[in-house]
Amino acid sequence: MLYIKPLQRAQADKDRIYAVIRAAATNQDGHTSSMAVPSIDAQALLLEQACRQAGVSPQEIVYVEAHGTGTPVGDPIEASALGRVLGNGRPAGQPCLIGSIKTNIGHLESASGAAGLIKAALVLHHDRIPPSRNYEQPNPNIPFDQLGLRVADQLQPLPHRNGHPPLVGVNSFGFGRANAHL
C-alpha cells in the first residue's frame, strides 16, 4: 500500500517518510510504427519535464527504477531515452544506475508502476540498491557505457553526490503508450 500526503502534514503527523515525490509527469508516445513500439522522443521529453518540475539537473539523478520489461524492443528504447537525458553530460565514472522490480517479482501489469515506486522508496529508505536478479549479460542492443547508464548488478550503497541527498526516478509505461515518470 502507498500512502501519499503532503510533506508538511506527514512531518506534523510524525509519519515515517520513505521518500518525497518532487515531481510527477505524464505523456503519451503519439504515433509510432506499432502499438508495441514506444517513442524515444516522448520518453526523453517526459524525463526532461519531470526534472524541470522537480527543479533538478538530470545529472543529479543517481538511480532510476526503470520500467525494464526485458523486451528486445522496449528496453533499448527506454535506455536510449534515459541515456539521452540522464546520461548526457554525466561525469566520467558516475553512470546513472538502473534496475527494475520486474526482475524480482515479474510484471504486475497495471500495478507495475506502484511496485516500482515502492521499490524506489525502499531504496531511499535503506540507502541501498538491490541487484537486478538474474542479470548476467547486458542486452547487446543497449550501449550502456555510451549512454552513461549501468545496471545495478550487486547490492550497493545509493550514491550520494556532493553531499546532497540522493535523487532517484521511477519510470512506468502503459500498453496504450502512456508514459509516467516520478
Protein backbone atom coordinates (compact mmCIF):
# COMPACT_ATOMS: atom_id res chain seq x y z
CA MET A 1 0.00 0.00 0.00
CA LEU A 2 1.13 3.51 -0.75
CA TYR A 3 0.02 6.40 1.39
CA ILE A 4 0.88 9.73 -0.16
CA LYS A 5 0.27 13.05 1.55
CA PRO A 6 1.86 16.49 1.65
CA LEU A 7 5.30 16.51 3.29
CA GLN A 8 4.43 19.13 5.92
CA ARG A 9 1.41 17.12 7.00
CA ALA A 10 3.43 13.90 7.19
CA GLN A 11 6.05 15.68 9.29
CA ALA A 12 3.40 17.19 11.59
CA ASP A 13 1.81 13.74 11.99
CA LYS A 14 5.27 12.29 12.77
CA ASP A 15 4.89 9.71 9.99
CA ARG A 16 7.80 7.60 8.81
CA ILE A 17 8.70 9.16 5.47
CA TYR A 18 10.26 6.78 2.97
CA ALA A 19 10.50 9.20 0.06
CA VAL A 20 9.44 12.63 -1.14
CA ILE A 21 7.96 12.93 -4.63
CA ARG A 22 9.29 16.16 -6.09
CA ALA A 23 7.55 15.89 -9.47
CA ALA A 24 5.22 13.65 -11.43
CA ALA A 25 4.97 13.91 -15.20
CA THR A 26 2.97 12.01 -17.78
CA ASN A 27 2.68 11.99 -21.54
CA GLN A 28 1.79 9.71 -24.42
CA ASP A 29 4.01 8.29 -27.18
CA GLY A 30 1.90 9.60 -30.04
CA HIS A 31 2.18 7.91 -33.41
CA THR A 32 4.82 5.16 -33.62
CA SER A 33 5.37 2.28 -36.03
CA SER A 34 3.15 -0.03 -33.94
CA MET A 35 1.27 -0.14 -30.65
CA ALA A 36 4.06 -2.21 -29.08
CA VAL A 37 6.85 0.21 -30.09
CA PRO A 38 7.36 3.13 -27.67
CA SER A 39 8.84 6.50 -28.61
CA ILE A 40 12.34 7.51 -27.53
CA ASP A 41 11.48 11.17 -28.11
CA ALA A 42 8.31 11.07 -25.96
CA GLN A 43 10.12 9.29 -23.14
CA ALA A 44 13.04 11.74 -23.28
CA LEU A 45 10.66 14.73 -23.22
CA LEU A 46 8.92 13.20 -20.21
CA LEU A 47 12.21 12.87 -18.30
CA GLU A 48 13.13 16.47 -19.13
CA GLN A 49 9.70 17.68 -17.98
CA ALA A 50 9.91 15.78 -14.68
CA CYS A 51 13.39 17.18 -13.96
CA ARG A 52 12.24 20.72 -14.74
CA GLN A 53 9.20 20.35 -12.47
CA ALA A 54 11.41 19.00 -9.69
CA GLY A 55 13.96 21.77 -10.17
CA VAL A 56 16.85 19.32 -10.57
CA SER A 57 19.51 18.73 -13.16
CA PRO A 58 19.13 15.33 -14.86
CA GLN A 59 22.74 14.53 -13.92
CA GLU A 60 21.79 14.71 -10.23
CA ILE A 61 19.66 11.57 -10.52
CA VAL A 62 21.76 8.64 -9.31
CA TYR A 63 19.31 5.75 -9.77
CA VAL A 64 16.26 5.04 -11.90
CA GLU A 65 13.76 2.31 -11.22
CA ALA A 66 13.18 1.54 -14.89
CA HIS A 67 10.11 0.01 -16.43
CA GLY A 68 12.53 -2.65 -17.69
CA THR A 69 10.31 -5.41 -19.02
CA GLY A 70 13.19 -7.29 -20.61
CA THR A 71 11.75 -6.95 -24.10
CA PRO A 72 14.06 -6.70 -27.13
CA VAL A 73 12.33 -3.53 -28.39
CA GLY A 74 11.18 -1.68 -25.26
CA ASP A 75 14.33 -1.90 -23.14
CA PRO A 76 16.69 -0.38 -25.76
CA ILE A 77 14.19 2.44 -26.34
CA GLU A 78 13.83 3.16 -22.62
CA ALA A 79 17.62 3.00 -22.13
CA SER A 80 18.15 5.36 -25.08
CA ALA A 81 15.74 7.91 -23.59
CA LEU A 82 17.34 7.59 -20.14
CA GLY A 83 20.80 7.98 -21.65
CA ARG A 84 19.79 10.96 -23.80
CA VAL A 85 18.54 12.87 -20.77
CA LEU A 86 20.17 11.45 -17.63
CA GLY A 87 23.43 10.17 -19.10
CA ASN A 88 24.24 13.23 -21.16
CA GLY A 89 27.00 15.33 -19.56
CA ARG A 90 27.39 12.99 -16.61
CA PRO A 91 30.85 12.99 -15.02
CA ALA A 92 33.10 10.09 -16.03
CA GLY A 93 32.82 7.15 -13.67
CA GLN A 94 29.40 8.24 -12.36
CA PRO A 95 26.84 6.42 -14.50
CA CYS A 96 23.18 6.57 -13.63
CA LEU A 97 22.36 3.23 -12.06
CA ILE A 98 19.22 1.44 -13.23
CA GLY A 99 17.20 -1.52 -12.06
CA SER A 100 13.71 -2.94 -12.35
CA ILE A 101 11.46 -4.58 -9.78
CA LYS A 102 10.26 -6.88 -12.57
CA THR A 103 13.44 -8.97 -12.19
CA ASN A 104 12.29 -9.77 -8.65
CA ILE A 105 8.51 -10.11 -8.86
CA GLY A 106 7.58 -10.14 -12.54
CA HIS A 107 5.35 -7.73 -14.43
CA LEU A 108 2.33 -6.72 -12.39
CA GLU A 109 0.60 -5.15 -15.40
CA SER A 110 -1.31 -2.07 -14.19
CA ALA A 111 0.29 -2.27 -10.72
CA SER A 112 3.88 -2.32 -12.03
CA GLY A 113 4.32 1.45 -11.57
CA ALA A 114 3.20 1.24 -7.95
CA ALA A 115 5.61 -1.66 -7.35
CA GLY A 116 8.43 0.41 -8.89
CA LEU A 117 7.57 3.36 -6.65
CA ILE A 118 7.59 1.13 -3.56
CA LYS A 119 11.00 -0.27 -4.52
CA ALA A 120 12.39 3.23 -5.16
CA ALA A 121 11.09 4.42 -1.78
CA LEU A 122 12.74 1.43 -0.08
CA VAL A 123 15.99 2.10 -1.96
CA LEU A 124 15.95 5.62 -0.49
CA HIS A 125 14.89 4.45 2.97
CA HIS A 126 17.60 1.77 3.21
CA ASP A 127 20.18 3.82 1.25
CA ARG A 128 20.96 0.68 -0.76
CA ILE A 129 20.25 -0.53 -4.28
CA PRO A 130 19.47 -4.23 -4.57
CA PRO A 131 20.85 -6.18 -7.52
CA SER A 132 18.77 -6.92 -10.58
CA ARG A 133 18.00 -10.60 -10.11
CA ASN A 134 19.28 -12.98 -12.80
CA TYR A 135 21.14 -10.18 -14.61
CA GLU A 136 24.25 -11.67 -16.17
CA GLN A 137 24.85 -10.17 -19.61
CA PRO A 138 23.88 -6.72 -20.85
CA ASN A 139 21.47 -6.50 -23.75
CA PRO A 140 23.77 -6.21 -26.80
CA ASN A 141 21.40 -3.59 -28.27
CA ILE A 142 21.98 -1.20 -25.35
CA PRO A 143 25.33 0.68 -25.33
CA PHE A 144 25.30 1.24 -21.56
CA ASP A 145 28.71 2.97 -21.42
CA GLN A 146 27.84 5.38 -24.23
CA LEU A 147 24.50 6.16 -22.56
CA GLY A 148 26.04 6.84 -19.14
CA LEU A 149 24.00 4.02 -17.58
CA ARG A 150 24.83 0.89 -15.58
CA VAL A 151 22.58 -1.91 -14.41
CA ALA A 152 22.74 -2.38 -10.63
CA ASP A 153 24.06 -5.94 -10.63
CA GLN A 154 25.04 -6.22 -6.98
CA LEU A 155 23.85 -4.86 -3.64
CA GLN A 156 25.43 -1.44 -3.35
CA PRO A 157 25.12 1.80 -1.44
CA LEU A 158 22.99 4.50 -3.01
CA PRO A 159 25.43 7.13 -4.33
CA HIS A 160 25.45 10.50 -2.56
CA ARG A 161 26.89 13.17 -4.83
CA ASN A 162 28.46 16.35 -3.46
CA GLY A 163 26.95 15.88 -0.01
CA HIS A 164 23.37 16.10 -1.32
CA PRO A 165 20.60 13.60 -0.57
CA PRO A 166 20.30 11.13 -3.44
CA LEU A 167 17.70 11.64 -6.15
CA VAL A 168 16.02 8.67 -7.83
CA GLY A 169 13.48 8.38 -10.60
CA VAL A 170 10.72 5.91 -11.42
CA ASN A 171 9.66 5.13 -14.99
CA SER A 172 6.41 3.39 -15.85
CA PHE A 173 4.76 2.84 -19.20
CA GLY A 174 1.36 1.55 -20.22
CA PHE A 175 0.33 -0.72 -23.06
CA GLY A 176 -1.64 2.15 -24.62
CA ARG A 177 1.68 4.03 -24.88
CA ALA A 178 1.11 6.16 -21.78
CA ASN A 179 4.35 7.22 -20.06
CA ALA A 180 4.90 8.34 -16.47
CA HIS A 181 7.94 9.43 -14.50
CA LEU A 182 8.30 10.41 -10.84
